[in-house]
């Protein structure tokens, strides 16, 4: 990389890393795996920086994170199933801080399958359209719609503490 390329990449990486890490944590439910995914994405972007710098390197990195995560859970073929009673504790928490809100969201996302979680994170946390989500995950738009519908129903039924968080009706 030339010096001006290196400076441009460094500036982009400093600005994009936090957003990518947040998404990766929500996708994986595991900070360490999320950090690995982001680091791998950064390396892949750096290798292609001369071509990507004028395009959308963050979108490219987000795609790498999401697809590498999908590849990881396909290789492992296991889901972390969280017992809702254990995850939520007793009763429904009264959310008063950002840290507590983060826990509520992570617990709710843990109830979803990896693909459902990916769709919800990309659609609602990264604010991607259905089409963009389908592109990132390499699936059909119809699959995004159906996974989203099932995930939201699952969250409504199994994670009522989210309603407490957003102040919605029970």
Protein backbone atom coordinates (compact mmCIF):
# COMPACT_ATOMS: atom_id res chain seq x y z
CA UNK A 1 0.00 0.00 0.00
CA UNK A 2 1.20 3.50 -0.79
CA UNK A 3 1.45 5.99 2.10
CA UNK A 4 -1.68 7.89 1.03
CA UNK A 5 -3.52 4.56 0.68
CA UNK A 6 -2.29 3.53 4.12
CA UNK A 7 -3.46 6.81 5.66
CA UNK A 8 -6.85 6.50 3.98
CA UNK A 9 -7.29 2.93 5.17
CA UNK A 10 -6.23 3.83 8.70
CA UNK A 11 -8.73 6.70 8.84
CA UNK A 12 -11.53 4.52 7.46
CA UNK A 13 -10.72 1.64 9.84
CA UNK A 14 -10.69 3.94 12.88
CA UNK A 15 -14.13 5.25 11.95
CA UNK A 16 -15.73 1.94 10.97
CA UNK A 17 -14.36 -0.46 13.56
CA UNK A 18 -16.79 0.39 16.39
CA UNK A 19 -19.88 0.08 14.16
CA UNK A 20 -18.66 -3.22 12.70
CA UNK A 21 -17.84 -4.58 16.16
CA UNK A 22 -21.29 -3.65 17.50
CA UNK A 23 -22.95 -5.48 14.63
CA UNK A 24 -20.64 -8.46 14.99
CA UNK A 25 -21.36 -8.75 18.73
CA UNK A 26 -25.08 -8.68 18.04
CA UNK A 27 -24.67 -11.28 15.28
CA UNK A 28 -22.54 -13.66 17.32
CA UNK A 29 -23.44 -13.00 20.94
CA UNK A 30 -19.71 -13.45 21.65
CA UNK A 31 -17.31 -10.50 21.97
CA UNK A 32 -14.20 -12.53 21.20
CA UNK A 33 -15.62 -14.12 18.07
CA UNK A 34 -16.97 -10.71 17.03
CA UNK A 35 -13.52 -9.16 17.42
CA UNK A 36 -12.03 -11.96 15.30
CA UNK A 37 -14.64 -11.42 12.58
CA UNK A 38 -14.00 -7.67 12.49
CA UNK A 39 -10.24 -8.18 12.41
CA UNK A 40 -10.56 -10.63 9.52
CA UNK A 41 -12.83 -8.19 7.66
CA UNK A 42 -10.35 -5.36 8.19
CA UNK A 43 -7.54 -7.49 6.75
CA UNK A 44 -9.65 -8.36 3.70
CA UNK A 45 -10.56 -4.71 3.16
CA UNK A 46 -6.90 -3.68 3.53
CA UNK A 47 -5.91 -6.20 0.85
CA UNK A 48 -8.44 -4.64 -1.53
CA UNK A 49 -8.15 -1.03 -0.35
CA UNK A 50 -6.98 0.54 -3.64
CA UNK A 51 -10.19 -0.73 -5.30
CA UNK A 52 -12.51 -0.19 -2.32
CA UNK A 53 -11.44 3.24 -1.10
CA UNK A 54 -13.64 4.99 -3.68
CA UNK A 55 -16.50 2.54 -3.25
CA UNK A 56 -18.18 1.44 -0.01
CA UNK A 57 -15.58 -0.26 2.18
CA UNK A 58 -17.91 -0.37 5.20
CA UNK A 59 -20.60 -2.22 3.24
CA UNK A 60 -17.95 -4.64 1.97
CA UNK A 61 -16.64 -5.21 5.51
CA UNK A 62 -20.18 -5.71 6.86
CA UNK A 63 -20.77 -8.34 4.18
CA UNK A 64 -17.55 -10.12 5.14
CA UNK A 65 -18.50 -10.11 8.84
CA UNK A 66 -22.00 -11.46 8.18
CA UNK A 67 -20.91 -14.11 5.68
CA UNK A 68 -17.93 -15.27 7.75
CA UNK A 69 -20.27 -15.60 10.73
CA UNK A 70 -22.71 -17.65 8.66
CA UNK A 71 -19.83 -19.85 7.50
CA UNK A 72 -18.72 -20.31 11.10
CA UNK A 73 -22.12 -21.48 12.34
CA UNK A 74 -22.61 -23.69 9.31
CA UNK A 75 -19.31 -25.42 10.06
CA UNK A 76 -20.24 -25.85 13.72
CA UNK A 77 -23.89 -26.79 13.04
CA UNK A 78 -24.93 -25.94 16.54
CA UNK A 79 -27.02 -23.20 17.97
CA UNK A 80 -26.72 -21.74 21.38
CA UNK A 81 -30.17 -22.28 22.77
CA UNK A 82 -30.88 -20.11 25.75
CA UNK A 83 -33.56 -21.10 28.19
CA UNK A 84 -35.80 -18.02 28.34
CA UNK A 85 -36.37 -18.50 32.07
CA UNK A 86 -32.63 -18.51 32.71
CA UNK A 87 -31.87 -15.68 30.30
CA UNK A 88 -34.51 -13.32 31.59
CA UNK A 89 -34.09 -14.12 35.26
CA UNK A 90 -37.19 -13.89 37.36
CA UNK A 91 -39.85 -11.58 36.04
CA UNK A 92 -39.23 -8.85 33.52
CA UNK A 93 -36.39 -6.44 34.18
CA UNK A 94 -37.04 -2.77 34.57
CA UNK A 95 -34.64 -1.22 32.09
CA UNK A 96 -33.10 1.98 33.33
CA UNK A 97 -29.59 2.12 31.84
CA UNK A 98 -27.93 1.60 28.49
CA UNK A 99 -26.06 -1.38 29.95
CA UNK A 100 -29.31 -2.99 31.05
CA UNK A 101 -30.89 -2.24 27.68
CA UNK A 102 -27.93 -3.89 25.98
CA UNK A 103 -28.39 -7.00 28.10
CA UNK A 104 -32.09 -7.15 27.25
CA UNK A 105 -31.34 -6.89 23.53
CA UNK A 106 -28.55 -9.51 23.65
CA UNK A 107 -30.75 -11.92 25.61
CA UNK A 108 -33.58 -11.46 23.14
CA UNK A 109 -31.28 -11.98 20.14
CA UNK A 110 -29.89 -15.14 21.76
CA UNK A 111 -33.36 -16.68 21.39
CA UNK A 112 -33.11 -16.50 17.60
CA UNK A 113 -31.42 -18.87 15.19
CA UNK A 114 -28.20 -17.53 13.68
CA UNK A 115 -29.90 -16.67 10.37
CA UNK A 116 -32.82 -14.94 12.11
CA UNK A 117 -30.38 -13.01 14.28
CA UNK A 118 -28.38 -11.95 11.19
CA UNK A 119 -31.52 -10.71 9.45
CA UNK A 120 -32.73 -8.75 12.49
CA UNK A 121 -29.32 -7.19 13.17
CA UNK A 122 -28.78 -6.16 9.56
CA UNK A 123 -32.34 -4.86 9.10
CA UNK A 124 -32.86 -3.04 12.40
CA UNK A 125 -29.44 -2.31 13.87
CA UNK A 126 -27.55 -1.65 10.62
CA UNK A 127 -30.66 -0.20 8.95
CA UNK A 128 -30.29 -2.15 5.71
CA UNK A 129 -33.16 -2.70 3.30
CA UNK A 130 -34.48 -6.19 2.61
CA UNK A 131 -32.60 -6.21 -0.67
CA UNK A 132 -29.32 -5.08 0.95
CA UNK A 133 -29.75 -7.68 3.70
CA UNK A 134 -30.30 -10.39 1.09
CA UNK A 135 -27.13 -9.32 -0.73
CA UNK A 136 -25.03 -9.30 2.44
CA UNK A 137 -26.24 -12.75 3.49
CA UNK A 138 -26.28 -14.20 -0.03
CA UNK A 139 -29.92 -15.26 0.23
CA UNK A 140 -33.17 -14.38 -1.55
CA UNK A 141 -35.23 -11.34 -0.55
CA UNK A 142 -38.13 -13.70 0.16
CA UNK A 143 -35.95 -15.57 2.65
CA UNK A 144 -35.09 -12.28 4.36
CA UNK A 145 -38.80 -11.47 4.63
CA UNK A 146 -39.77 -14.88 6.00
CA UNK A 147 -36.85 -15.03 8.47
CA UNK A 148 -37.67 -11.52 9.63
CA UNK A 149 -41.35 -12.36 10.13
CA UNK A 150 -40.54 -15.51 12.11
CA UNK A 151 -37.86 -13.73 14.16
CA UNK A 152 -40.15 -10.84 15.10
CA UNK A 153 -42.92 -13.25 16.10
CA UNK A 154 -40.43 -15.21 18.17
CA UNK A 155 -39.26 -12.04 19.88
CA UNK A 156 -42.82 -10.86 20.56
CA UNK A 157 -43.73 -14.21 22.12
CA UNK A 158 -40.47 -15.08 23.85
CA UNK A 159 -38.93 -11.76 24.81
CA UNK A 160 -41.61 -9.57 26.42
CA UNK A 161 -38.87 -7.63 28.21
CA UNK A 162 -38.28 -5.91 24.86
CA UNK A 163 -41.74 -4.39 25.22
CA UNK A 164 -40.67 -3.03 28.60
CA UNK A 165 -37.59 -1.58 26.91
CA UNK A 166 -39.50 0.25 24.19
CA UNK A 167 -42.58 0.96 26.28
CA UNK A 168 -44.90 -1.09 24.09
CA UNK A 169 -48.20 -2.70 25.12
CA UNK A 170 -48.23 -6.26 26.41
